[in-house]
N, C-alpha and C. Protein backbone atom coordinates (compact mmCIF):
# COMPACT_ATOMS: atom_id res chain seq x y z
N MET A 1 7.84 28.72 -15.49
CA MET A 1 7.83 28.47 -14.48
C MET A 1 8.75 27.32 -14.10
N GLY A 2 9.22 26.73 -15.42
CA GLY A 2 9.69 25.42 -15.72
C GLY A 2 11.09 25.41 -14.74
N VAL A 3 11.79 26.37 -14.80
CA VAL A 3 13.25 26.50 -14.14
C VAL A 3 12.86 26.23 -12.55
N TYR A 4 12.05 27.16 -12.27
CA TYR A 4 11.48 26.74 -10.85
C TYR A 4 11.68 25.84 -9.91
N TRP A 5 10.56 24.65 -11.47
CA TRP A 5 10.41 23.47 -10.83
C TRP A 5 11.54 22.33 -11.06
N ALA A 6 12.31 22.87 -12.30
CA ALA A 6 13.47 22.14 -12.19
C ALA A 6 14.55 22.44 -11.21
N LYS A 7 14.57 23.22 -10.50
CA LYS A 7 15.35 23.40 -9.44
C LYS A 7 15.11 23.02 -7.87
N ALA A 8 13.71 23.08 -7.93
CA ALA A 8 13.34 22.31 -6.64
C ALA A 8 13.60 21.25 -6.53
N ALA A 9 12.81 20.36 -7.95
CA ALA A 9 13.42 18.71 -7.90
C ALA A 9 15.13 18.16 -8.02
N ALA A 10 15.37 19.67 -8.51
CA ALA A 10 16.86 19.17 -8.64
C ALA A 10 17.75 19.38 -6.70
N LYS A 11 17.17 20.07 -6.31
CA LYS A 11 17.40 20.04 -4.84
C LYS A 11 17.37 18.34 -3.99
N ASN A 12 16.78 17.40 -4.55
CA ASN A 12 16.58 16.35 -3.81
C ASN A 12 17.31 14.88 -4.36
N PHE A 13 18.52 15.72 -5.45
CA PHE A 13 19.58 14.84 -6.16
C PHE A 13 20.99 15.06 -5.80
N ASN A 14 21.70 15.83 -5.00
CA ASN A 14 22.96 16.65 -4.31
C ASN A 14 23.66 16.19 -5.49
N ASP A 15 23.68 16.99 -6.25
CA ASP A 15 24.32 17.55 -7.19
C ASP A 15 24.51 16.88 -8.87
N GLN A 16 23.61 15.89 -8.84
CA GLN A 16 23.20 14.79 -9.62
C GLN A 16 22.87 15.21 -11.51
N VAL A 17 22.04 16.58 -10.73
CA VAL A 17 21.37 17.46 -12.01
C VAL A 17 21.75 18.46 -12.12
N GLU A 18 22.26 18.92 -13.50
CA GLU A 18 22.37 20.20 -13.68
C GLU A 18 20.98 20.80 -14.52
N VAL A 19 20.60 21.93 -14.50
CA VAL A 19 19.32 22.60 -14.83
C VAL A 19 20.42 23.39 -15.65
N VAL A 20 19.42 23.23 -16.98
CA VAL A 20 20.11 24.46 -18.46
C VAL A 20 18.77 25.23 -18.55
N ASP A 21 18.94 26.89 -18.48
CA ASP A 21 17.68 27.21 -18.44
C ASP A 21 18.33 28.16 -20.22
N LEU A 22 17.02 27.67 -20.49
CA LEU A 22 17.48 28.02 -22.60
C LEU A 22 16.34 29.32 -22.06
N ARG A 23 16.82 30.84 -22.07
CA ARG A 23 16.56 31.68 -22.30
C ARG A 23 15.52 32.32 -23.62
N THR A 24 16.10 31.95 -24.40
CA THR A 24 15.71 31.71 -25.88
C THR A 24 15.38 30.54 -26.46
N LEU A 25 14.09 30.22 -27.48
CA LEU A 25 14.40 29.26 -27.89
C LEU A 25 14.70 29.57 -29.67
N PHE A 26 15.31 30.77 -30.17
CA PHE A 26 15.72 31.11 -31.24
C PHE A 26 16.35 32.67 -30.89
N PRO A 27 17.94 32.91 -30.89
CA PRO A 27 18.59 31.40 -31.48
C PRO A 27 18.90 30.79 -29.86
N LEU A 28 18.80 29.13 -30.92
CA LEU A 28 18.99 28.11 -29.83
C LEU A 28 20.04 27.64 -29.94
N ASP A 29 21.01 27.89 -28.34
CA ASP A 29 22.03 26.96 -28.28
C ASP A 29 22.75 25.78 -28.00
N GLU A 30 22.23 25.62 -29.38
CA GLU A 30 22.90 23.75 -29.69
C GLU A 30 23.94 23.78 -29.22
N GLU A 31 24.43 24.22 -28.97
CA GLU A 31 26.36 23.78 -28.45
C GLU A 31 25.70 23.91 -26.96
N LEU A 32 25.61 24.70 -26.29
CA LEU A 32 25.69 24.24 -25.15
C LEU A 32 24.55 22.95 -24.93
N ILE A 33 23.36 23.05 -25.15
CA ILE A 33 22.74 21.44 -25.16
C ILE A 33 23.61 20.48 -25.37
N PHE A 34 23.71 20.21 -26.38
CA PHE A 34 24.86 18.90 -26.73
C PHE A 34 25.87 18.67 -25.84
N ALA A 35 26.53 19.91 -25.51
CA ALA A 35 28.13 19.76 -24.67
C ALA A 35 27.49 19.21 -23.12
N ARG A 36 26.48 19.43 -22.99
CA ARG A 36 25.93 19.17 -21.34
C ARG A 36 25.18 17.33 -21.58
N VAL A 37 24.58 17.58 -22.75
CA VAL A 37 23.94 15.95 -22.84
C VAL A 37 25.27 15.06 -22.63
N LYS A 38 26.33 15.69 -23.55
CA LYS A 38 27.16 14.74 -23.88
C LYS A 38 27.99 14.61 -22.81
N ALA A 39 28.11 15.66 -21.76
CA ALA A 39 28.70 15.46 -20.40
C ALA A 39 27.85 14.30 -19.08
N HIS A 40 26.80 14.66 -19.12
CA HIS A 40 25.78 13.84 -18.73
C HIS A 40 25.57 12.56 -18.86
N GLY A 41 25.41 12.22 -20.40
CA GLY A 41 24.89 10.97 -21.24
C GLY A 41 23.35 11.02 -21.00
N LYS A 42 22.45 11.62 -19.70
CA LYS A 42 20.94 11.79 -20.07
C LYS A 42 20.45 13.21 -19.99
N CYS A 43 19.42 12.95 -20.27
CA CYS A 43 18.31 14.15 -20.61
C CYS A 43 16.70 14.45 -20.05
N LEU A 44 16.35 15.38 -19.54
CA LEU A 44 15.05 15.49 -19.60
C LEU A 44 14.79 17.19 -19.85
N ILE A 45 13.79 17.08 -20.91
CA ILE A 45 13.64 18.60 -21.27
C ILE A 45 12.24 18.81 -20.63
N LEU A 46 12.20 19.85 -20.01
CA LEU A 46 10.79 19.85 -19.32
C LEU A 46 10.28 21.43 -19.80
N THR A 47 8.83 21.48 -19.78
CA THR A 47 8.46 22.41 -20.85
C THR A 47 6.51 22.44 -20.15
N GLU A 48 6.41 24.05 -20.22
CA GLU A 48 5.03 24.12 -19.52
C GLU A 48 3.89 23.84 -20.93
N GLU A 49 4.32 24.17 -21.75
CA GLU A 49 3.62 23.67 -23.12
C GLU A 49 3.32 21.76 -23.03
N GLN A 50 2.02 21.74 -23.75
CA GLN A 50 1.45 20.09 -24.00
C GLN A 50 2.80 19.38 -24.62
N GLN A 51 2.69 18.29 -24.10
CA GLN A 51 4.17 17.60 -24.48
C GLN A 51 4.05 17.01 -26.13
N ASN A 52 2.38 16.66 -26.65
CA ASN A 52 2.25 16.16 -28.39
C ASN A 52 3.47 17.12 -29.15
N ASN A 53 3.68 17.16 -30.17
CA ASN A 53 3.53 17.93 -30.81
C ASN A 53 4.16 19.22 -30.55
N SER A 54 5.20 19.15 -29.62
CA SER A 54 6.31 20.43 -28.97
C SER A 54 7.24 20.72 -29.33
N PHE A 55 7.84 21.78 -29.55
CA PHE A 55 9.09 22.12 -29.33
C PHE A 55 9.98 21.24 -28.26
N ALA A 56 9.67 21.24 -27.62
CA ALA A 56 10.43 20.30 -26.36
C ALA A 56 10.59 18.50 -27.04
N GLU A 57 9.51 18.12 -28.27
CA GLU A 57 9.48 16.85 -28.33
C GLU A 57 10.66 16.92 -29.72
N ALA A 58 10.18 18.16 -30.54
CA ALA A 58 11.42 18.32 -31.56
C ALA A 58 12.90 18.42 -31.18
N LEU A 59 12.87 19.24 -29.80
CA LEU A 59 14.30 19.33 -29.31
C LEU A 59 15.07 18.02 -28.61
N ALA A 60 13.88 17.15 -28.08
CA ALA A 60 14.58 15.78 -27.76
C ALA A 60 14.99 15.30 -29.19
N GLY A 61 14.42 15.39 -29.98
CA GLY A 61 14.53 14.58 -31.51
C GLY A 61 16.25 15.30 -32.14
N ARG A 62 16.06 16.31 -31.96
CA ARG A 62 17.70 16.77 -32.58
C ARG A 62 18.75 16.15 -31.68
N ILE A 63 18.58 15.87 -29.93
CA ILE A 63 19.47 15.66 -29.09
C ILE A 63 19.63 14.50 -29.65
N SER A 64 18.77 13.61 -29.65
CA SER A 64 19.12 12.13 -29.75
C SER A 64 19.66 11.79 -31.04
N LYS A 65 19.40 12.61 -32.11
CA LYS A 65 20.09 12.41 -33.55
C LYS A 65 21.55 12.97 -33.22
N ASN A 66 22.00 13.98 -32.67
CA ASN A 66 23.55 14.81 -32.44
C ASN A 66 23.75 14.45 -30.97
N CYS A 67 23.64 13.37 -30.28
CA CYS A 67 24.08 13.10 -29.16
C CYS A 67 23.53 11.22 -29.04
N PHE A 68 23.35 11.08 -29.78
CA PHE A 68 23.19 9.30 -30.01
C PHE A 68 24.21 8.51 -29.18
N GLN A 69 25.36 8.27 -29.79
CA GLN A 69 26.26 7.98 -29.18
C GLN A 69 27.12 7.99 -27.77
N PHE A 70 26.95 9.46 -27.19
CA PHE A 70 26.99 9.61 -26.12
C PHE A 70 25.59 9.21 -24.66
N LEU A 71 24.43 8.64 -25.43
CA LEU A 71 23.09 8.40 -24.51
C LEU A 71 23.28 7.35 -23.77
N ASP A 72 22.88 7.60 -22.54
CA ASP A 72 23.03 6.02 -22.01
C ASP A 72 21.09 6.11 -21.50
N ALA A 73 20.42 6.88 -21.80
CA ALA A 73 19.08 6.14 -21.71
C ALA A 73 18.38 7.28 -23.32
N PRO A 74 17.23 7.12 -23.15
CA PRO A 74 16.67 8.18 -24.09
C PRO A 74 16.04 9.12 -23.31
N VAL A 75 16.39 10.09 -24.38
CA VAL A 75 15.80 11.50 -24.08
C VAL A 75 14.56 11.51 -23.55
N GLU A 76 14.17 12.20 -22.27
CA GLU A 76 13.17 12.35 -21.68
C GLU A 76 11.92 13.85 -21.82
N VAL A 77 11.13 13.97 -22.13
CA VAL A 77 10.00 14.98 -22.39
C VAL A 77 9.24 15.05 -21.15
N LEU A 78 8.83 15.87 -20.71
CA LEU A 78 7.90 16.28 -19.43
C LEU A 78 7.15 17.47 -19.61
N GLY A 79 5.73 17.46 -19.88
CA GLY A 79 5.38 18.73 -20.47
C GLY A 79 3.87 18.96 -19.77
N ALA A 80 3.16 19.64 -19.89
CA ALA A 80 1.56 19.69 -19.61
C ALA A 80 0.87 18.14 -20.06
N LEU A 81 0.14 18.29 -19.96
CA LEU A 81 -0.79 16.87 -20.25
C LEU A 81 -1.58 17.58 -21.36
N ASN A 82 -2.41 16.12 -22.25
CA ASN A 82 -2.00 17.13 -23.63
C ASN A 82 -3.85 16.88 -23.33
N THR A 83 -4.32 18.70 -22.72
CA THR A 83 -5.79 19.28 -22.79
C THR A 83 -6.50 19.46 -24.20
N PRO A 84 -7.39 19.77 -24.36
CA PRO A 84 -7.58 20.86 -25.15
C PRO A 84 -7.51 22.65 -24.99
N ALA A 85 -7.28 23.03 -23.42
CA ALA A 85 -7.28 24.26 -22.93
C ALA A 85 -6.83 24.08 -21.47
N VAL A 86 -6.06 24.89 -21.33
CA VAL A 86 -5.69 25.18 -19.80
C VAL A 86 -7.06 25.66 -19.23
N PRO A 87 -7.15 24.85 -18.47
CA PRO A 87 -8.20 24.43 -16.89
C PRO A 87 -8.41 26.04 -16.35
N MET A 88 -9.34 26.69 -16.15
CA MET A 88 -9.52 28.02 -14.97
C MET A 88 -9.43 27.61 -13.60
N ASN A 89 -9.48 26.27 -13.47
CA ASN A 89 -9.72 25.75 -12.08
C ASN A 89 -8.63 25.83 -11.54
N MET A 90 -8.03 26.07 -10.69
CA MET A 90 -6.69 25.81 -9.57
C MET A 90 -6.41 24.65 -9.72
N GLY A 91 -7.02 23.97 -9.03
CA GLY A 91 -6.76 22.36 -8.95
C GLY A 91 -6.61 21.44 -10.39
N LEU A 92 -7.32 22.06 -11.13
CA LEU A 92 -7.27 21.28 -12.50
C LEU A 92 -6.06 21.55 -13.18
N GLU A 93 -5.98 22.84 -13.08
CA GLU A 93 -4.61 23.55 -13.63
C GLU A 93 -3.57 22.73 -13.22
N LYS A 94 -3.31 22.47 -11.50
CA LYS A 94 -2.01 21.96 -11.01
C LYS A 94 -1.90 20.84 -11.49
N ALA A 95 -3.08 20.06 -11.77
CA ALA A 95 -3.06 18.46 -12.18
C ALA A 95 -2.71 18.22 -13.63
N MET A 96 -2.46 19.46 -14.36
CA MET A 96 -2.41 19.51 -15.69
C MET A 96 -0.81 19.82 -15.66
N LEU A 97 -0.52 20.54 -15.04
CA LEU A 97 0.90 21.09 -15.54
C LEU A 97 2.15 20.16 -14.52
N PRO A 98 3.50 20.31 -15.19
CA PRO A 98 3.90 19.70 -14.24
C PRO A 98 4.33 20.60 -12.86
N ASP A 99 5.10 20.02 -11.99
CA ASP A 99 5.45 21.06 -10.56
C ASP A 99 6.55 20.45 -10.55
N GLY A 100 7.24 20.31 -9.48
CA GLY A 100 8.86 20.51 -8.46
C GLY A 100 8.36 18.90 -8.71
N GLU A 101 7.75 18.36 -7.75
CA GLU A 101 6.76 16.69 -7.42
C GLU A 101 7.22 15.77 -8.45
N LYS A 102 6.83 16.31 -9.73
CA LYS A 102 6.17 15.62 -10.93
C LYS A 102 7.41 15.40 -11.41
N VAL A 103 8.35 16.97 -11.30
CA VAL A 103 9.38 16.49 -12.20
C VAL A 103 11.08 15.34 -11.31
N ALA A 104 10.87 15.69 -10.09
CA ALA A 104 11.84 14.98 -9.31
C ALA A 104 11.06 12.96 -9.47
N THR A 105 10.04 12.84 -9.75
CA THR A 105 9.85 11.89 -9.88
C THR A 105 10.48 11.09 -11.59
N VAL A 106 10.31 11.45 -12.63
CA VAL A 106 10.62 11.86 -13.63
C VAL A 106 12.64 11.48 -13.58
N LEU A 107 12.65 12.82 -12.84
CA LEU A 107 14.25 12.52 -12.64
C LEU A 107 14.83 11.12 -12.03
N LYS A 108 14.05 10.71 -11.13
CA LYS A 108 14.47 9.42 -10.29
C LYS A 108 14.43 8.53 -11.12
N GLN A 109 13.63 8.38 -12.00
CA GLN A 109 13.26 7.37 -12.90
C GLN A 109 14.22 7.24 -13.87
N LEU A 110 15.03 8.42 -14.44
CA LEU A 110 15.99 8.68 -15.63
C LEU A 110 17.31 8.18 -14.92
N LEU A 111 17.49 9.01 -13.95
CA LEU A 111 18.54 8.86 -13.08
C LEU A 111 19.39 6.68 -12.83
N ASN A 112 17.73 6.40 -12.16
CA ASN A 112 18.19 5.14 -12.37
C ASN A 112 17.90 3.74 -13.79
N SER A 113 17.70 4.37 -14.38
CA SER A 113 17.54 3.97 -16.25
C SER A 113 19.33 3.19 -16.24
């Protein structure tokens, strides 16, 4: 779902945002990731998983370490709220997970930083 959320949010930013879809995490295409971050100077990692202690946060650390001199802002991570379980109620699940609107809000803050 993250790709759909990212594409929906990117429509609001007139080609200022590039969406990179990591189809696999192993092998991880670090060369592509680092090249795109270096080209743009900013990065938002979007995930459906809970943010704390996530792969997304580990990836943010790798990007920060390898692209530090090219970054214009800290690497941002947006993931699900840190709850003990995914709620079965659709309204609560919607509140827990990112969506296009939440992504657009974080992108706006990142682009203005």
